[in-house]
């Protein structure tokens, strides 16, 4: 089941729940909310690093993207279903970004770009992995 589930859906869902919990306010209010609540880390250099909710969501997105890239190296039918569901997650994310109030933020833009990257990289990596599995080389690219 895990191999079929598009993991980036978790980040899109978390952002959607946050936006819905705030009544789908405009992007100014969402930007303020995402940047407001933060933790401050005292660095050895003496600097202060402010880590807010938006940073946490983007970081979670990168972790989920890494998981999706690793999953895309398989060439099973489950991987194909996962790629199809990843396209669906991307379509949902782009529609929310363009149409729904509170989703036109930089944080959600980066999450949406991660879903697009998942779709493109997933199919590309799967094709390359399938070529290696089948022993198929492209003409002129095989080492001699």
C-alpha atoms as a PDB file:
ATOM      1  CA  UNK A   1       0.000   0.000   0.000  1.00  0.00           C
ATOM      2  CA  UNK A   2       2.818   2.443   0.849  1.00  0.00           C
ATOM      3  CA  UNK A   3       4.379   2.037  -2.582  1.00  0.00           C
ATOM      4  CA  UNK A   4       1.153   3.137  -4.275  1.00  0.00           C
ATOM      5  CA  UNK A   5       0.428   6.091  -1.966  1.00  0.00           C
ATOM      6  CA  UNK A   6       1.778   9.444  -3.263  1.00  0.00           C
ATOM      7  CA  UNK A   7       3.596  10.713  -0.169  1.00  0.00           C
ATOM      8  CA  UNK A   8       3.505  14.377  -1.259  1.00  0.00           C
ATOM      9  CA  UNK A   9      -0.246  14.198  -0.731  1.00  0.00           C
ATOM     10  CA  UNK A  10       0.546  14.425   2.999  1.00  0.00           C
ATOM     11  CA  UNK A  11       2.050  17.909   2.618  1.00  0.00           C
ATOM     12  CA  UNK A  12      -0.737  19.110   0.310  1.00  0.00           C
ATOM     13  CA  UNK A  13      -3.307  17.798   2.793  1.00  0.00           C
ATOM     14  CA  UNK A  14      -1.599  19.401   5.814  1.00  0.00           C
ATOM     15  CA  UNK A  15      -1.514  22.767   4.044  1.00  0.00           C
ATOM     16  CA  UNK A  16      -5.157  22.336   2.973  1.00  0.00           C
ATOM     17  CA  UNK A  17      -6.216  21.552   6.537  1.00  0.00           C
ATOM     18  CA  UNK A  18      -4.385  24.648   7.805  1.00  0.00           C
ATOM     19  CA  UNK A  19      -6.032  26.801   5.123  1.00  0.00           C
ATOM     20  CA  UNK A  20      -9.471  25.312   5.800  1.00  0.00           C
ATOM     21  CA  UNK A  21      -9.032  25.752   9.559  1.00  0.00           C
ATOM     22  CA  UNK A  22      -8.476  29.457   8.945  1.00  0.00           C
ATOM     23  CA  UNK A  23     -11.576  29.758   6.767  1.00  0.00           C
ATOM     24  CA  UNK A  24      -9.723  29.998   3.441  1.00  0.00           C
ATOM     25  CA  UNK A  25      -8.502  33.496   4.136  1.00  0.00           C
ATOM     26  CA  UNK A  26      -6.565  35.397   1.486  1.00  0.00           C
ATOM     27  CA  UNK A  27      -2.900  34.860   0.827  1.00  0.00           C
ATOM     28  CA  UNK A  28      -1.832  37.859   2.956  1.00  0.00           C
ATOM     29  CA  UNK A  29      -3.410  36.320   6.042  1.00  0.00           C
ATOM     30  CA  UNK A  30      -1.982  32.883   5.184  1.00  0.00           C
ATOM     31  CA  UNK A  31       1.508  34.322   4.596  1.00  0.00           C
ATOM     32  CA  UNK A  32       1.302  36.061   7.971  1.00  0.00           C
ATOM     33  CA  UNK A  33       0.139  32.880   9.700  1.00  0.00           C
ATOM     34  CA  UNK A  34       2.827  30.710   8.100  1.00  0.00           C
ATOM     35  CA  UNK A  35       5.563  33.193   9.053  1.00  0.00           C
ATOM     36  CA  UNK A  36       4.226  34.129  12.506  1.00  0.00           C
ATOM     37  CA  UNK A  37       4.639  31.029  14.599  1.00  0.00           C
ATOM     38  CA  UNK A  38       8.266  30.120  14.798  1.00  0.00           C
ATOM     39  CA  UNK A  39      11.031  28.632  16.870  1.00  0.00           C
ATOM     40  CA  UNK A  40      14.289  30.485  17.275  1.00  0.00           C
ATOM     41  CA  UNK A  41      17.519  28.521  17.260  1.00  0.00           C
ATOM     42  CA  UNK A  42      20.658  30.042  18.722  1.00  0.00           C
ATOM     43  CA  UNK A  43      23.513  29.190  16.391  1.00  0.00           C
ATOM     44  CA  UNK A  44      27.155  28.738  17.426  1.00  0.00           C
ATOM     45  CA  UNK A  45      28.006  31.792  15.319  1.00  0.00           C
ATOM     46  CA  UNK A  46      25.821  33.921  17.573  1.00  0.00           C
ATOM     47  CA  UNK A  47      23.149  34.360  14.899  1.00  0.00           C
ATOM     48  CA  UNK A  48      19.493  33.608  15.510  1.00  0.00           C
ATOM     49  CA  UNK A  49      17.717  31.323  13.044  1.00  0.00           C
ATOM     50  CA  UNK A  50      13.937  31.720  12.946  1.00  0.00           C
ATOM     51  CA  UNK A  51      12.182  28.533  11.823  1.00  0.00           C
ATOM     52  CA  UNK A  52       8.469  29.023  11.133  1.00  0.00           C
ATOM     53  CA  UNK A  53       5.538  26.835  10.117  1.00  0.00           C
ATOM     54  CA  UNK A  54       6.061  27.542   6.408  1.00  0.00           C
ATOM     55  CA  UNK A  55       9.681  26.388   6.690  1.00  0.00           C
ATOM     56  CA  UNK A  56       8.485  23.217   8.397  1.00  0.00           C
ATOM     57  CA  UNK A  57       6.004  22.471   5.591  1.00  0.00           C
ATOM     58  CA  UNK A  58       8.636  23.009   2.891  1.00  0.00           C
ATOM     59  CA  UNK A  59      11.093  20.786   4.790  1.00  0.00           C
ATOM     60  CA  UNK A  60       8.417  18.088   5.125  1.00  0.00           C
ATOM     61  CA  UNK A  61       7.812  18.451   1.392  1.00  0.00           C
ATOM     62  CA  UNK A  62      11.495  17.809   0.639  1.00  0.00           C
ATOM     63  CA  UNK A  63      11.455  14.679   2.815  1.00  0.00           C
ATOM     64  CA  UNK A  64       8.347  13.424   1.012  1.00  0.00           C
ATOM     65  CA  UNK A  65       9.874  14.286  -2.377  1.00  0.00           C
ATOM     66  CA  UNK A  66      12.981  12.292  -1.531  1.00  0.00           C
ATOM     67  CA  UNK A  67      10.787   9.333  -0.584  1.00  0.00           C
ATOM     68  CA  UNK A  68       8.908   9.612  -3.887  1.00  0.00           C
ATOM     69  CA  UNK A  69      12.142   9.757  -5.898  1.00  0.00           C
ATOM     70  CA  UNK A  70      13.445   6.621  -4.175  1.00  0.00           C
ATOM     71  CA  UNK A  71      10.112   4.868  -4.819  1.00  0.00           C
ATOM     72  CA  UNK A  72      10.256   5.805  -8.514  1.00  0.00           C
ATOM     73  CA  UNK A  73      13.300   3.581  -9.109  1.00  0.00           C
ATOM     74  CA  UNK A  74      11.034   0.541  -9.178  1.00  0.00           C
ATOM     75  CA  UNK A  75       9.408  -0.630 -12.387  1.00  0.00           C
ATOM     76  CA  UNK A  76       6.414  -2.524 -11.028  1.00  0.00           C
ATOM     77  CA  UNK A  77       2.746  -1.984 -11.771  1.00  0.00           C
ATOM     78  CA  UNK A  78       2.417  -0.419  -8.319  1.00  0.00           C
ATOM     79  CA  UNK A  79       4.976   2.197  -9.340  1.00  0.00           C
ATOM     80  CA  UNK A  80       2.889   3.039 -12.401  1.00  0.00           C
ATOM     81  CA  UNK A  81      -0.196   3.460 -10.234  1.00  0.00           C
ATOM     82  CA  UNK A  82       1.864   5.691  -7.917  1.00  0.00           C
ATOM     83  CA  UNK A  83       2.931   7.837 -10.877  1.00  0.00           C
ATOM     84  CA  UNK A  84      -0.682   8.216 -11.973  1.00  0.00           C
ATOM     85  CA  UNK A  85      -1.736   9.237  -8.464  1.00  0.00           C
ATOM     86  CA  UNK A  86       1.200  11.667  -8.325  1.00  0.00           C
ATOM     87  CA  UNK A  87      -0.150  13.353 -11.461  1.00  0.00           C
ATOM     88  CA  UNK A  88      -3.515  13.651  -9.708  1.00  0.00           C
ATOM     89  CA  UNK A  89      -1.850  15.242  -6.652  1.00  0.00           C
ATOM     90  CA  UNK A  90      -0.074  17.722  -8.952  1.00  0.00           C
ATOM     91  CA  UNK A  91      -3.340  18.621 -10.704  1.00  0.00           C
ATOM     92  CA  UNK A  92      -5.062  19.137  -7.352  1.00  0.00           C
ATOM     93  CA  UNK A  93      -2.170  21.300  -6.126  1.00  0.00           C
ATOM     94  CA  UNK A  94      -2.080  23.494  -9.232  1.00  0.00           C
ATOM     95  CA  UNK A  95      -5.868  23.976  -9.162  1.00  0.00           C
ATOM     96  CA  UNK A  96      -5.733  24.923  -5.463  1.00  0.00           C
ATOM     97  CA  UNK A  97      -2.841  27.317  -6.136  1.00  0.00           C
ATOM     98  CA  UNK A  98      -4.684  29.087  -8.953  1.00  0.00           C
ATOM     99  CA  UNK A  99      -8.304  28.980  -7.754  1.00  0.00           C
ATOM    100  CA  UNK A 100      -8.628  28.620  -3.963  1.00  0.00           C
ATOM    101  CA  UNK A 101      -8.125  31.523  -1.556  1.00  0.00           C
ATOM    102  CA  UNK A 102      -5.170  31.150   0.804  1.00  0.00           C
ATOM    103  CA  UNK A 103      -3.200  28.866  -1.498  1.00  0.00           C
ATOM    104  CA  UNK A 104      -1.377  31.591  -3.466  1.00  0.00           C
ATOM    105  CA  UNK A 105       1.555  31.677  -1.062  1.00  0.00           C
ATOM    106  CA  UNK A 106       5.221  31.033  -1.640  1.00  0.00           C
ATOM    107  CA  UNK A 107       5.083  28.025   0.678  1.00  0.00           C
ATOM    108  CA  UNK A 108       2.322  26.351  -1.331  1.00  0.00           C
ATOM    109  CA  UNK A 109       4.021  27.353  -4.594  1.00  0.00           C
ATOM    110  CA  UNK A 110       7.117  25.398  -3.519  1.00  0.00           C
ATOM    111  CA  UNK A 111       4.949  22.449  -2.475  1.00  0.00           C
ATOM    112  CA  UNK A 112       3.250  22.555  -5.893  1.00  0.00           C
ATOM    113  CA  UNK A 113       6.643  22.679  -7.645  1.00  0.00           C
ATOM    114  CA  UNK A 114       7.686  19.607  -5.637  1.00  0.00           C
ATOM    115  CA  UNK A 115       4.609  17.749  -6.896  1.00  0.00           C
ATOM    116  CA  UNK A 116       5.495  18.731 -10.480  1.00  0.00           C
ATOM    117  CA  UNK A 117       9.089  17.626  -9.934  1.00  0.00           C
ATOM    118  CA  UNK A 118       7.800  14.320  -8.560  1.00  0.00           C
ATOM    119  CA  UNK A 119       5.753  13.717 -11.706  1.00  0.00           C
ATOM    120  CA  UNK A 120       8.544  14.584 -14.138  1.00  0.00           C
ATOM    121  CA  UNK A 121      11.366  12.898 -12.215  1.00  0.00           C
ATOM    122  CA  UNK A 122       9.237   9.864 -11.383  1.00  0.00           C
ATOM    123  CA  UNK A 123       8.487   9.060 -14.999  1.00  0.00           C
ATOM    124  CA  UNK A 124      12.043   9.849 -16.123  1.00  0.00           C
ATOM    125  CA  UNK A 125      13.671   7.701 -13.454  1.00  0.00           C
ATOM    126  CA  UNK A 126      11.221   4.854 -14.094  1.00  0.00           C
ATOM    127  CA  UNK A 127      12.031   4.839 -17.808  1.00  0.00           C
ATOM    128  CA  UNK A 128      15.774   4.795 -17.133  1.00  0.00           C
ATOM    129  CA  UNK A 129      15.354   2.050 -14.521  1.00  0.00           C
ATOM    130  CA  UNK A 130      13.242  -0.005 -16.940  1.00  0.00           C
ATOM    131  CA  UNK A 131      15.911   0.344 -19.630  1.00  0.00           C
ATOM    132  CA  UNK A 132      18.496  -0.956 -17.192  1.00  0.00           C
ATOM    133  CA  UNK A 133      16.219  -3.798 -16.066  1.00  0.00           C
ATOM    134  CA  UNK A 134      15.614  -4.886 -19.643  1.00  0.00           C
ATOM    135  CA  UNK A 135      19.176  -4.301 -20.796  1.00  0.00           C
ATOM    136  CA  UNK A 136      18.048  -1.855 -23.459  1.00  0.00           C
ATOM    137  CA  UNK A 137      20.518   0.837 -24.421  1.00  0.00           C
ATOM    138  CA  UNK A 138      19.959   3.871 -26.578  1.00  0.00           C
ATOM    139  CA  UNK A 139      21.791   3.838 -29.888  1.00  0.00           C
ATOM    140  CA  UNK A 140      25.158   5.516 -29.621  1.00  0.00           C
ATOM    141  CA  UNK A 141      25.105   5.796 -25.828  1.00  0.00           C
ATOM    142  CA  UNK A 142      26.363   2.346 -24.870  1.00  0.00           C
ATOM    143  CA  UNK A 143      29.962   2.261 -23.666  1.00  0.00           C
ATOM    144  CA  UNK A 144      32.237   0.260 -25.925  1.00  0.00           C
END
